[in-house]
Amino acid sequence: MSDSRQGTEKTAGSQRKDVRRNKQILLDAAAAVFVTAGVDAPVRDIAARAGVGIGTIYRHFPTRADLIVAVFRHQVETCAEAGPALLASCPTAYEALEQWIDLFVDFLVTKHGLAAALQHDNAGFETLHAYFIDHLVPVCTQLLDSAAAAGEIRSDIGGLQLMRGVGNLCVGAENDPSYNPRTLVSLLVAGLRRPARTGAGPE
């Protein structure tokens, strides 16, 4: 392969990396703005947070629905990738579960208003819901199984069951600034712990 061709391919690869990085910056900025202002937040606010022009956002995401769907998928993927990483880095599987559930709550807050924003596209919303289930339930299940295998939590709670419980505790938080769902979510997760044995009874 000639040096010029190698150089061209290297440049193209670098450009693709830059495009991916720029999209990630946009998606992170949009997610942060959605948390505070909802999915109807002005595009100029997202552009300002990302440090780009409004035209750059429309070039990547021609419609608001495109942007919302991309943020949703990005957040799902980030949350899914965090599970195995936390299991590898945390001192215990239970701590990994705690931290992952905290990230999951962040995700639930970010997607506030998604259903309303996409209500005209039931098929699209159902596709996103399937994407959510397929990517996150196995991760939550892995965390639960690891903590249960280590004897840290009870073993009769499934991933989807726990995620539904957390989701129910997050409902309505956007309409009541005094309600912090994390308090109840932390109690729910703490309730999974196996009680400490206080004495040596008969086996």
N, C-alpha and C. Protein backbone atom coordinates (compact mmCIF):
# COMPACT_ATOMS: atom_id res chain seq x y z
N MET A 1 0.84 -1.19 0.00
CA MET A 1 0.00 0.00 0.00
C MET A 1 0.88 1.24 0.00
N SER A 2 0.57 2.22 -0.82
CA SER A 2 1.39 3.41 -0.93
C SER A 2 1.22 4.28 0.30
N ASP A 3 2.25 5.15 0.53
CA ASP A 3 2.19 6.05 1.67
C ASP A 3 1.01 7.00 1.56
N SER A 4 0.71 7.44 0.32
CA SER A 4 -0.39 8.39 0.14
C SER A 4 -1.72 7.76 0.49
N ARG A 5 -1.89 6.47 0.10
CA ARG A 5 -3.15 5.79 0.43
C ARG A 5 -3.27 5.57 1.92
N GLN A 6 -2.15 5.19 2.54
CA GLN A 6 -2.16 5.00 3.99
C GLN A 6 -2.52 6.30 4.70
N GLY A 7 -1.96 7.39 4.19
CA GLY A 7 -2.23 8.69 4.79
C GLY A 7 -3.69 9.08 4.63
N THR A 8 -4.26 8.77 3.46
CA THR A 8 -5.67 9.09 3.21
C THR A 8 -6.57 8.31 4.13
N GLU A 9 -6.29 7.00 4.28
CA GLU A 9 -7.10 6.16 5.16
C GLU A 9 -6.98 6.60 6.61
N LYS A 10 -5.76 7.00 7.00
CA LYS A 10 -5.56 7.46 8.37
C LYS A 10 -6.35 8.73 8.63
N THR A 11 -6.34 9.63 7.65
CA THR A 11 -7.09 10.88 7.78
C THR A 11 -8.59 10.62 7.86
N ALA A 12 -9.07 9.70 7.00
CA ALA A 12 -10.50 9.37 7.00
C ALA A 12 -10.91 8.76 8.34
N GLY A 13 -10.04 7.88 8.87
CA GLY A 13 -10.33 7.27 10.16
C GLY A 13 -10.37 8.30 11.27
N SER A 14 -9.45 9.26 11.21
CA SER A 14 -9.41 10.32 12.21
C SER A 14 -10.65 11.19 12.13
N GLN A 15 -11.11 11.46 10.90
CA GLN A 15 -12.32 12.27 10.72
C GLN A 15 -13.54 11.55 11.27
N ARG A 16 -13.62 10.23 11.01
CA ARG A 16 -14.76 9.47 11.54
C ARG A 16 -14.76 9.50 13.06
N LYS A 17 -13.56 9.42 13.66
CA LYS A 17 -13.45 9.48 15.11
C LYS A 17 -13.92 10.83 15.63
N ASP A 18 -13.54 11.90 14.91
CA ASP A 18 -13.95 13.24 15.31
C ASP A 18 -15.47 13.39 15.23
N VAL A 19 -16.07 12.84 14.17
CA VAL A 19 -17.53 12.92 14.02
C VAL A 19 -18.23 12.20 15.16
N ARG A 20 -17.73 11.00 15.50
CA ARG A 20 -18.33 10.24 16.61
C ARG A 20 -18.19 10.99 17.92
N ARG A 21 -17.00 11.58 18.13
CA ARG A 21 -16.77 12.32 19.38
C ARG A 21 -17.68 13.56 19.45
N ASN A 22 -17.82 14.26 18.33
CA ASN A 22 -18.68 15.45 18.31
C ASN A 22 -20.14 15.08 18.56
N LYS A 23 -20.58 13.95 17.98
CA LYS A 23 -21.96 13.51 18.22
C LYS A 23 -22.16 13.17 19.69
N GLN A 24 -21.14 12.54 20.28
CA GLN A 24 -21.26 12.18 21.70
C GLN A 24 -21.36 13.42 22.56
N ILE A 25 -20.58 14.46 22.22
CA ILE A 25 -20.65 15.72 22.97
C ILE A 25 -22.04 16.32 22.86
N LEU A 26 -22.62 16.28 21.65
CA LEU A 26 -23.97 16.81 21.44
C LEU A 26 -25.00 16.03 22.25
N LEU A 27 -24.88 14.70 22.23
CA LEU A 27 -25.84 13.86 22.94
C LEU A 27 -25.73 14.05 24.46
N ASP A 28 -24.51 14.18 24.96
CA ASP A 28 -24.32 14.42 26.39
C ASP A 28 -24.92 15.77 26.79
N ALA A 29 -24.71 16.77 25.92
CA ALA A 29 -25.25 18.10 26.20
C ALA A 29 -26.77 18.08 26.17
N ALA A 30 -27.34 17.40 25.19
CA ALA A 30 -28.80 17.31 25.08
C ALA A 30 -29.38 16.60 26.29
N ALA A 31 -28.74 15.51 26.72
CA ALA A 31 -29.23 14.76 27.88
C ALA A 31 -29.23 15.64 29.12
N ALA A 32 -28.16 16.42 29.31
CA ALA A 32 -28.06 17.29 30.48
C ALA A 32 -29.15 18.37 30.45
N VAL A 33 -29.41 18.93 29.27
CA VAL A 33 -30.44 19.96 29.15
C VAL A 33 -31.82 19.35 29.36
N PHE A 34 -32.03 18.14 28.84
CA PHE A 34 -33.33 17.47 29.02
C PHE A 34 -33.64 17.26 30.50
N VAL A 35 -32.61 16.97 31.30
CA VAL A 35 -32.81 16.73 32.73
C VAL A 35 -33.41 17.96 33.40
N THR A 36 -32.89 19.13 33.04
CA THR A 36 -33.32 20.35 33.72
C THR A 36 -34.52 21.02 33.06
N ALA A 37 -34.65 20.86 31.74
CA ALA A 37 -35.69 21.61 31.02
C ALA A 37 -36.67 20.73 30.25
N GLY A 38 -36.49 19.41 30.27
CA GLY A 38 -37.38 18.52 29.52
C GLY A 38 -37.00 18.45 28.05
N VAL A 39 -37.66 17.54 27.33
CA VAL A 39 -37.29 17.29 25.94
C VAL A 39 -37.73 18.39 24.99
N ASP A 40 -38.51 19.36 25.48
CA ASP A 40 -38.92 20.48 24.64
C ASP A 40 -37.99 21.68 24.79
N ALA A 41 -36.87 21.48 25.45
CA ALA A 41 -35.92 22.58 25.66
C ALA A 41 -35.46 23.16 24.32
N PRO A 42 -35.23 24.48 24.25
CA PRO A 42 -34.78 25.10 23.01
C PRO A 42 -33.46 24.50 22.52
N VAL A 43 -33.38 24.32 21.21
CA VAL A 43 -32.16 23.76 20.63
C VAL A 43 -30.96 24.66 20.91
N ARG A 44 -31.21 25.97 20.99
CA ARG A 44 -30.09 26.90 21.24
C ARG A 44 -29.44 26.63 22.60
N ASP A 45 -30.24 26.14 23.58
CA ASP A 45 -29.68 25.82 24.90
C ASP A 45 -28.75 24.62 24.80
N ILE A 46 -29.15 23.65 23.99
CA ILE A 46 -28.31 22.45 23.79
C ILE A 46 -27.03 22.83 23.06
N ALA A 47 -27.18 23.67 22.03
CA ALA A 47 -26.02 24.11 21.26
C ALA A 47 -25.03 24.87 22.15
N ALA A 48 -25.57 25.73 23.01
CA ALA A 48 -24.71 26.52 23.90
C ALA A 48 -23.95 25.61 24.86
N ARG A 49 -24.63 24.62 25.40
CA ARG A 49 -23.98 23.70 26.34
C ARG A 49 -22.91 22.87 25.64
N ALA A 50 -23.17 22.50 24.39
CA ALA A 50 -22.20 21.68 23.64
C ALA A 50 -21.08 22.53 23.05
N GLY A 51 -21.27 23.85 23.02
CA GLY A 51 -20.26 24.73 22.45
C GLY A 51 -20.21 24.70 20.93
N VAL A 52 -21.39 24.51 20.30
CA VAL A 52 -21.46 24.45 18.84
C VAL A 52 -22.59 25.37 18.36
N GLY A 53 -22.67 25.55 17.06
CA GLY A 53 -23.76 26.32 16.49
C GLY A 53 -25.01 25.46 16.34
N ILE A 54 -26.15 26.13 16.25
CA ILE A 54 -27.42 25.40 16.10
C ILE A 54 -27.41 24.55 14.83
N GLY A 55 -26.78 25.08 13.77
CA GLY A 55 -26.72 24.36 12.50
C GLY A 55 -26.04 23.00 12.64
N THR A 56 -25.06 22.91 13.53
CA THR A 56 -24.36 21.65 13.73
C THR A 56 -25.31 20.58 14.28
N ILE A 57 -26.18 20.99 15.20
CA ILE A 57 -27.15 20.03 15.76
C ILE A 57 -28.10 19.56 14.68
N TYR A 58 -28.62 20.50 13.86
CA TYR A 58 -29.57 20.11 12.82
C TYR A 58 -28.89 19.27 11.73
N ARG A 59 -27.61 19.45 11.55
CA ARG A 59 -26.89 18.64 10.56
C ARG A 59 -26.84 17.18 11.01
N HIS A 60 -26.66 16.97 12.29
CA HIS A 60 -26.62 15.60 12.82
C HIS A 60 -28.02 15.05 13.07
N PHE A 61 -28.92 15.92 13.53
CA PHE A 61 -30.27 15.49 13.93
C PHE A 61 -31.29 16.45 13.32
N PRO A 62 -31.78 16.15 12.12
CA PRO A 62 -32.67 17.08 11.40
C PRO A 62 -33.95 17.45 12.15
N THR A 63 -34.48 16.55 12.97
CA THR A 63 -35.71 16.85 13.70
C THR A 63 -35.48 16.62 15.19
N ARG A 64 -36.37 17.20 16.01
CA ARG A 64 -36.27 17.00 17.45
C ARG A 64 -36.45 15.52 17.80
N ALA A 65 -37.35 14.85 17.09
CA ALA A 65 -37.56 13.42 17.34
C ALA A 65 -36.27 12.64 17.11
N ASP A 66 -35.52 13.00 16.05
CA ASP A 66 -34.23 12.34 15.78
C ASP A 66 -33.29 12.52 16.97
N LEU A 67 -33.27 13.73 17.51
CA LEU A 67 -32.38 14.02 18.64
C LEU A 67 -32.81 13.25 19.89
N ILE A 68 -34.11 13.23 20.17
CA ILE A 68 -34.61 12.54 21.35
C ILE A 68 -34.31 11.04 21.28
N VAL A 69 -34.56 10.45 20.12
CA VAL A 69 -34.29 9.02 19.94
C VAL A 69 -32.79 8.74 20.11
N ALA A 70 -31.94 9.61 19.55
CA ALA A 70 -30.50 9.41 19.65
C ALA A 70 -30.03 9.53 21.10
N VAL A 71 -30.58 10.50 21.85
CA VAL A 71 -30.23 10.65 23.26
C VAL A 71 -30.66 9.40 24.04
N PHE A 72 -31.87 8.93 23.76
CA PHE A 72 -32.38 7.75 24.44
C PHE A 72 -31.45 6.55 24.21
N ARG A 73 -31.11 6.30 22.96
CA ARG A 73 -30.24 5.16 22.64
C ARG A 73 -28.86 5.34 23.27
N HIS A 74 -28.34 6.55 23.22
CA HIS A 74 -27.02 6.83 23.79
C HIS A 74 -27.02 6.57 25.29
N GLN A 75 -28.08 7.01 25.98
CA GLN A 75 -28.16 6.80 27.42
C GLN A 75 -28.32 5.32 27.77
N VAL A 76 -29.09 4.59 26.96
CA VAL A 76 -29.25 3.15 27.17
C VAL A 76 -27.89 2.46 27.03
N GLU A 77 -27.17 2.80 25.97
CA GLU A 77 -25.87 2.17 25.73
C GLU A 77 -24.87 2.49 26.83
N THR A 78 -24.86 3.75 27.29
CA THR A 78 -23.96 4.16 28.37
C THR A 78 -24.27 3.40 29.65
N CYS A 79 -25.56 3.27 29.95
CA CYS A 79 -25.99 2.55 31.16
C CYS A 79 -25.65 1.06 31.05
N ALA A 80 -25.84 0.50 29.87
CA ALA A 80 -25.55 -0.92 29.67
C ALA A 80 -24.05 -1.21 29.82
N GLU A 81 -23.22 -0.33 29.25
CA GLU A 81 -21.77 -0.53 29.32
C GLU A 81 -21.24 -0.36 30.75
N ALA A 82 -21.96 0.43 31.56
CA ALA A 82 -21.49 0.70 32.92
C ALA A 82 -21.58 -0.52 33.83
N GLY A 83 -22.54 -1.42 33.57
CA GLY A 83 -22.73 -2.57 34.44
C GLY A 83 -21.49 -3.44 34.58
N PRO A 84 -20.99 -4.00 33.49
CA PRO A 84 -19.78 -4.83 33.59
C PRO A 84 -18.57 -4.04 34.11
N ALA A 85 -18.48 -2.76 33.74
CA ALA A 85 -17.35 -1.95 34.21
C ALA A 85 -17.40 -1.78 35.73
N LEU A 86 -18.59 -1.56 36.27
CA LEU A 86 -18.73 -1.41 37.72
C LEU A 86 -18.44 -2.73 38.44
N LEU A 87 -18.88 -3.84 37.87
CA LEU A 87 -18.59 -5.14 38.48
C LEU A 87 -17.08 -5.38 38.56
N ALA A 88 -16.38 -4.90 37.55
CA ALA A 88 -14.93 -5.11 37.50
C ALA A 88 -14.18 -4.16 38.45
N SER A 89 -14.75 -2.99 38.72
CA SER A 89 -14.00 -1.98 39.48
C SER A 89 -14.44 -1.81 40.93
N CYS A 90 -15.67 -2.18 41.26
CA CYS A 90 -16.16 -1.99 42.63
C CYS A 90 -15.67 -3.10 43.57
N PRO A 91 -15.50 -2.78 44.84
CA PRO A 91 -15.03 -3.79 45.80
C PRO A 91 -16.00 -4.96 45.95
N THR A 92 -17.31 -4.70 45.83
CA THR A 92 -18.30 -5.77 45.97
C THR A 92 -19.34 -5.65 44.85
N ALA A 93 -20.00 -6.77 44.59
CA ALA A 93 -21.06 -6.76 43.57
C ALA A 93 -22.24 -5.90 44.03
N TYR A 94 -22.50 -5.88 45.33
CA TYR A 94 -23.59 -5.06 45.84
C TYR A 94 -23.32 -3.58 45.60
N GLU A 95 -22.08 -3.16 45.82
CA GLU A 95 -21.74 -1.75 45.56
C GLU A 95 -21.87 -1.43 44.08
N ALA A 96 -21.50 -2.38 43.22
CA ALA A 96 -21.68 -2.19 41.78
C ALA A 96 -23.16 -2.03 41.45
N LEU A 97 -24.00 -2.84 42.08
CA LEU A 97 -25.44 -2.74 41.87
C LEU A 97 -25.97 -1.38 42.32
N GLU A 98 -25.55 -0.93 43.49
CA GLU A 98 -25.97 0.38 44.00
C GLU A 98 -25.63 1.49 43.02
N GLN A 99 -24.38 1.49 42.55
CA GLN A 99 -23.94 2.56 41.66
C GLN A 99 -24.65 2.48 40.32
N TRP A 100 -24.91 1.26 39.85
CA TRP A 100 -25.61 1.12 38.57
C TRP A 100 -27.05 1.61 38.67
N ILE A 101 -27.72 1.29 39.76
CA ILE A 101 -29.10 1.75 39.96
C ILE A 101 -29.12 3.28 40.00
N ASP A 102 -28.10 3.89 40.57
CA ASP A 102 -28.02 5.36 40.60
C ASP A 102 -27.94 5.90 39.17
N LEU A 103 -27.15 5.25 38.32
CA LEU A 103 -27.06 5.63 36.91
C LEU A 103 -28.40 5.41 36.21
N PHE A 104 -29.08 4.33 36.56
CA PHE A 104 -30.37 4.03 35.96
C PHE A 104 -31.39 5.11 36.30
N VAL A 105 -31.35 5.60 37.54
CA VAL A 105 -32.24 6.70 37.93
C VAL A 105 -31.93 7.94 37.08
N ASP A 106 -30.64 8.23 36.86
CA ASP A 106 -30.26 9.33 35.98
C ASP A 106 -30.90 9.16 34.61
N PHE A 107 -30.84 7.94 34.10
CA PHE A 107 -31.43 7.66 32.78
C PHE A 107 -32.93 7.91 32.79
N LEU A 108 -33.61 7.45 33.82
CA LEU A 108 -35.06 7.62 33.90
C LEU A 108 -35.43 9.09 33.94
N VAL A 109 -34.64 9.88 34.65
CA VAL A 109 -34.89 11.32 34.72
C VAL A 109 -34.67 11.96 33.35
N THR A 110 -33.62 11.52 32.65
CA THR A 110 -33.29 12.08 31.35
C THR A 110 -34.40 11.84 30.35
N LYS A 111 -35.03 10.67 30.42
CA LYS A 111 -36.02 10.35 29.40
C LYS A 111 -37.41 10.89 29.74
N HIS A 112 -37.47 11.76 30.76
CA HIS A 112 -38.74 12.40 31.09
C HIS A 112 -39.31 13.11 29.85
N GLY A 113 -40.57 12.83 29.55
CA GLY A 113 -41.22 13.48 28.42
C GLY A 113 -41.05 12.77 27.10
N LEU A 114 -40.30 11.68 27.08
CA LEU A 114 -40.06 10.98 25.82
C LEU A 114 -41.36 10.45 25.22
N ALA A 115 -42.20 9.82 26.03
CA ALA A 115 -43.44 9.24 25.52
C ALA A 115 -44.33 10.32 24.91
N ALA A 116 -44.43 11.45 25.59
CA ALA A 116 -45.26 12.54 25.07
C ALA A 116 -44.67 13.10 23.78
N ALA A 117 -43.35 13.21 23.73
CA ALA A 117 -42.71 13.79 22.55
C ALA A 117 -42.86 12.89 21.33
N LEU A 118 -42.97 11.58 21.56
CA LEU A 118 -43.04 10.65 20.43
C LEU A 118 -44.41 9.98 20.32
N GLN A 119 -45.42 10.59 20.93
CA GLN A 119 -46.73 9.93 20.97
C GLN A 119 -47.35 9.75 19.59
N HIS A 120 -46.90 10.54 18.62
CA HIS A 120 -47.44 10.40 17.26
C HIS A 120 -46.83 9.20 16.54
N ASP A 121 -45.83 8.58 17.15
CA ASP A 121 -45.12 7.48 16.49
C ASP A 121 -45.07 6.27 17.43
N ASN A 122 -46.20 5.58 17.53
CA ASN A 122 -46.28 4.45 18.46
C ASN A 122 -45.29 3.34 18.12
N ALA A 123 -45.13 3.08 16.83
CA ALA A 123 -44.20 2.03 16.40
C ALA A 123 -42.78 2.39 16.81
N GLY A 124 -42.41 3.66 16.62
CA GLY A 124 -41.07 4.11 16.99
C GLY A 124 -40.84 4.00 18.48
N PHE A 125 -41.84 4.35 19.27
CA PHE A 125 -41.70 4.28 20.72
C PHE A 125 -41.59 2.82 21.17
N GLU A 126 -42.38 1.95 20.56
CA GLU A 126 -42.31 0.53 20.92
C GLU A 126 -40.93 -0.05 20.59
N THR A 127 -40.36 0.41 19.47
CA THR A 127 -39.02 -0.04 19.11
C THR A 127 -38.01 0.39 20.16
N LEU A 128 -38.14 1.63 20.64
CA LEU A 128 -37.23 2.12 21.67
C LEU A 128 -37.41 1.37 22.98
N HIS A 129 -38.66 1.05 23.31
CA HIS A 129 -38.91 0.31 24.55
C HIS A 129 -38.26 -1.07 24.47
N ALA A 130 -38.37 -1.72 23.31
CA ALA A 130 -37.74 -3.03 23.12
C ALA A 130 -36.22 -2.90 23.23
N TYR A 131 -35.66 -1.82 22.69
CA TYR A 131 -34.22 -1.56 22.76
C TYR A 131 -33.80 -1.42 24.23
N PHE A 132 -34.60 -0.70 24.99
CA PHE A 132 -34.36 -0.49 26.42
C PHE A 132 -34.36 -1.83 27.17
N ILE A 133 -35.38 -2.65 26.93
CA ILE A 133 -35.50 -3.94 27.61
C ILE A 133 -34.34 -4.86 27.23
N ASP A 134 -34.06 -4.95 25.94
CA ASP A 134 -33.03 -5.87 25.45
C ASP A 134 -31.64 -5.54 25.97
N HIS A 135 -31.37 -4.25 26.17
CA HIS A 135 -30.02 -3.84 26.57
C HIS A 135 -29.84 -3.74 28.08
N LEU A 136 -30.87 -3.33 28.81
CA LEU A 136 -30.68 -3.05 30.23
C LEU A 136 -31.10 -4.18 31.17
N VAL A 137 -32.12 -4.93 30.82
CA VAL A 137 -32.55 -6.01 31.72
C VAL A 137 -31.43 -7.04 31.92
N PRO A 138 -30.73 -7.48 30.87
CA PRO A 138 -29.64 -8.44 31.10
C PRO A 138 -28.54 -7.89 32.00
N VAL A 139 -28.26 -6.58 31.89
CA VAL A 139 -27.22 -5.98 32.73
C VAL A 139 -27.65 -5.97 34.19
N CYS A 140 -28.89 -5.54 34.44
CA CYS A 140 -29.40 -5.53 35.81
C CYS A 140 -29.43 -6.95 36.38
N THR A 141 -29.82 -7.91 35.56
CA THR A 141 -29.86 -9.30 35.99
C THR A 141 -28.47 -9.81 36.34
N GLN A 142 -27.48 -9.44 35.54
CA GLN A 142 -26.09 -9.84 35.82
C GLN A 142 -25.62 -9.29 37.17
N LEU A 143 -25.95 -8.03 37.43
CA LEU A 143 -25.55 -7.40 38.70
C LEU A 143 -26.23 -8.09 39.88
N LEU A 144 -27.52 -8.37 39.73
CA LEU A 144 -28.26 -9.06 40.80
C LEU A 144 -27.71 -10.46 41.02
N ASP A 145 -27.46 -11.19 39.95
CA ASP A 145 -26.95 -12.56 40.06
C ASP A 145 -25.58 -12.58 40.74
N SER A 146 -24.74 -11.59 40.40
CA SER A 146 -23.40 -11.53 40.99
C SER A 146 -23.48 -11.25 42.49
N ALA A 147 -24.35 -10.30 42.87
CA ALA A 147 -24.50 -9.97 44.29
C ALA A 147 -25.13 -11.14 45.05
N ALA A 148 -26.08 -11.83 44.42
CA ALA A 148 -26.71 -12.98 45.07
C ALA A 148 -25.72 -14.12 45.24
N ALA A 149 -24.90 -14.36 44.20
CA ALA A 149 -23.90 -15.43 44.27
C ALA A 149 -22.87 -15.16 45.36
N ALA A 150 -22.63 -13.88 45.63
CA ALA A 150 -21.67 -13.51 46.69
C ALA A 150 -22.32 -13.53 48.07
N GLY A 151 -23.62 -13.86 48.12
CA GLY A 151 -24.33 -13.91 49.39
C GLY A 151 -24.66 -12.54 49.96
N GLU A 152 -24.63 -11.50 49.11
CA GLU A 152 -24.85 -10.14 49.60
C GLU A 152 -26.32 -9.73 49.57
N ILE A 153 -27.10 -10.33 48.68
CA ILE A 153 -28.51 -9.96 48.57
C ILE A 153 -29.36 -11.22 48.43
N ARG A 154 -30.66 -11.06 48.59
CA ARG A 154 -31.60 -12.15 48.36
C ARG A 154 -31.60 -12.49 46.87
N SER A 155 -32.04 -13.67 46.54
CA SER A 155 -31.93 -14.14 45.15
C SER A 155 -33.28 -14.28 44.44
N ASP A 156 -34.34 -13.71 45.03
CA ASP A 156 -35.66 -13.92 44.44
C ASP A 156 -36.20 -12.69 43.70
N ILE A 157 -35.31 -11.76 43.36
CA ILE A 157 -35.71 -10.56 42.61
C ILE A 157 -35.06 -10.59 41.24
N GLY A 158 -35.88 -10.41 40.19
CA GLY A 158 -35.36 -10.40 38.84
C GLY A 158 -35.02 -8.99 38.38
N GLY A 159 -34.24 -8.91 37.30
CA GLY A 159 -33.81 -7.62 36.79
C GLY A 159 -34.97 -6.72 36.38
N LEU A 160 -35.90 -7.26 35.62
CA LEU A 160 -37.03 -6.45 35.15
C LEU A 160 -37.90 -6.02 36.33
N GLN A 161 -38.07 -6.91 37.30
CA GLN A 161 -38.88 -6.58 38.48
C GLN A 161 -38.27 -5.40 39.24
N LEU A 162 -36.96 -5.44 39.45
CA LEU A 162 -36.29 -4.35 40.17
C LEU A 162 -36.37 -3.05 39.37
N MET A 163 -36.14 -3.13 38.06
CA MET A 163 -36.17 -1.92 37.24
C MET A 163 -37.56 -1.29 37.23
N ARG A 164 -38.59 -2.13 37.21
CA ARG A 164 -39.96 -1.58 37.28
C ARG A 164 -40.21 -0.90 38.62
N GLY A 165 -39.71 -1.51 39.69
CA GLY A 165 -39.87 -0.90 41.00
C GLY A 165 -39.20 0.47 41.07
N VAL A 166 -37.97 0.54 40.56
CA VAL A 166 -37.24 1.81 40.54
C VAL A 166 -37.98 2.83 39.68
N GLY A 167 -38.46 2.39 38.53
CA GLY A 167 -39.20 3.28 37.64
C GLY A 167 -40.44 3.84 38.29
N ASN A 168 -41.17 3.00 39.03
CA ASN A 168 -42.38 3.46 39.71
C ASN A 168 -42.06 4.51 40.76
N LEU A 169 -40.93 4.36 41.44
CA LEU A 169 -40.54 5.33 42.46
C LEU A 169 -40.12 6.67 41.85
N CYS A 170 -39.75 6.65 40.58
CA CYS A 170 -39.32 7.89 39.91
C CYS A 170 -40.48 8.65 39.29
N VAL A 171 -41.65 8.02 39.19
CA VAL A 171 -42.80 8.66 38.56
C VAL A 171 -43.23 9.89 39.35
N GLY A 172 -43.43 11.00 38.64
CA GLY A 172 -43.95 12.21 39.26
C GLY A 172 -42.90 13.13 39.85
N ALA A 173 -41.65 12.69 39.87
CA ALA A 173 -40.61 13.52 40.49
C ALA A 173 -40.46 14.86 39.77
N GLU A 174 -40.72 14.86 38.44
CA GLU A 174 -40.55 16.10 37.68
C GLU A 174 -41.58 17.16 38.04
N ASN A 175 -42.68 16.74 38.65
CA ASN A 175 -43.74 17.70 39.00
C ASN A 175 -43.69 18.14 40.46
N ASP A 176 -42.76 17.60 41.21
CA ASP A 176 -42.66 17.92 42.63
C ASP A 176 -41.19 18.07 43.01
N PRO A 177 -40.69 19.31 43.00
CA PRO A 177 -39.27 19.54 43.30
C PRO A 177 -38.86 19.05 44.69
N SER A 178 -39.82 18.90 45.59
CA SER A 178 -39.48 18.47 46.94
C SER A 178 -39.31 16.96 47.05
N TYR A 179 -39.69 16.24 45.97
CA TYR A 179 -39.60 14.78 46.00
C TYR A 179 -38.30 14.32 45.35
N ASN A 180 -37.51 13.62 46.14
CA ASN A 180 -36.26 13.07 45.61
C ASN A 180 -36.39 11.55 45.56
N PRO A 181 -36.60 10.99 44.36
CA PRO A 181 -36.81 9.53 44.27
C PRO A 181 -35.60 8.73 44.73
N ARG A 182 -34.42 9.33 44.72
CA ARG A 182 -33.21 8.58 45.09
C ARG A 182 -33.30 8.07 46.53
N THR A 183 -33.97 8.83 47.39
CA THR A 183 -34.09 8.41 48.79
C THR A 183 -34.82 7.07 48.90
N LEU A 184 -35.95 6.97 48.20
CA LEU A 184 -36.73 5.73 48.26
C LEU A 184 -36.07 4.61 47.46
N VAL A 185 -35.42 4.99 46.34
CA VAL A 185 -34.72 3.97 45.55
C VAL A 185 -33.60 3.35 46.38
N SER A 186 -32.88 4.18 47.13
CA SER A 186 -31.79 3.64 47.97
C SER A 186 -32.35 2.71 49.04
N LEU A 187 -33.54 3.03 49.57
CA LEU A 187 -34.17 2.14 50.55
C LEU A 187 -34.58 0.82 49.90
N LEU A 188 -35.08 0.91 48.66
CA LEU A 188 -35.47 -0.30 47.94
C LEU A 188 -34.26 -1.21 47.73
N VAL A 189 -33.15 -0.64 47.28
CA VAL A 189 -31.95 -1.44 47.02
C VAL A 189 -31.38 -1.99 48.33
N ALA A 190 -31.42 -1.17 49.39
CA ALA A 190 -30.94 -1.64 50.70
C ALA A 190 -31.79 -2.81 51.18
N GLY A 191 -33.07 -2.82 50.81
CA GLY A 191 -33.95 -3.90 51.22
C GLY A 191 -33.63 -5.23 50.58
N LEU A 192 -32.77 -5.23 49.56
CA LEU A 192 -32.34 -6.48 48.94
C LEU A 192 -31.28 -7.20 49.76
N ARG A 193 -30.63 -6.45 50.69
CA ARG A 193 -29.54 -7.05 51.45
C ARG A 193 -30.03 -8.21 52.29
N ARG A 194 -29.19 -9.22 52.40
CA ARG A 194 -29.49 -10.33 53.30
C ARG A 194 -29.28 -9.86 54.74
N PRO A 195 -30.22 -10.15 55.64
CA PRO A 195 -30.03 -9.73 57.04
C PRO A 195 -28.81 -10.43 57.65
N ALA A 196 -28.09 -9.67 58.45
CA ALA A 196 -26.93 -10.25 59.11
C ALA A 196 -27.37 -11.26 60.15
N ARG A 197 -26.68 -12.38 60.23
CA ARG A 197 -27.02 -13.42 61.22
C ARG A 197 -26.53 -12.97 62.59
N THR A 198 -27.41 -12.98 63.55
CA THR A 198 -27.07 -12.49 64.88
C THR A 198 -26.60 -13.58 65.84
N GLY A 199 -26.80 -14.80 65.46
CA GLY A 199 -26.37 -15.88 66.34
C GLY A 199 -26.25 -17.18 65.58
N ALA A 200 -25.58 -18.12 66.14
CA ALA A 200 -25.39 -19.40 65.49
C ALA A 200 -26.51 -20.33 65.91
N GLY A 201 -27.55 -20.39 65.11
CA GLY A 201 -28.65 -21.29 65.40
C GLY A 201 -28.41 -22.65 64.75
N PRO A 202 -29.36 -23.54 64.90
CA PRO A 202 -29.21 -24.86 64.29
C PRO A 202 -29.26 -24.76 62.78
N GLU A 203 -28.49 -25.52 62.12
CA GLU A 203 -28.46 -25.54 60.64
C GLU A 203 -29.72 -26.20 60.13
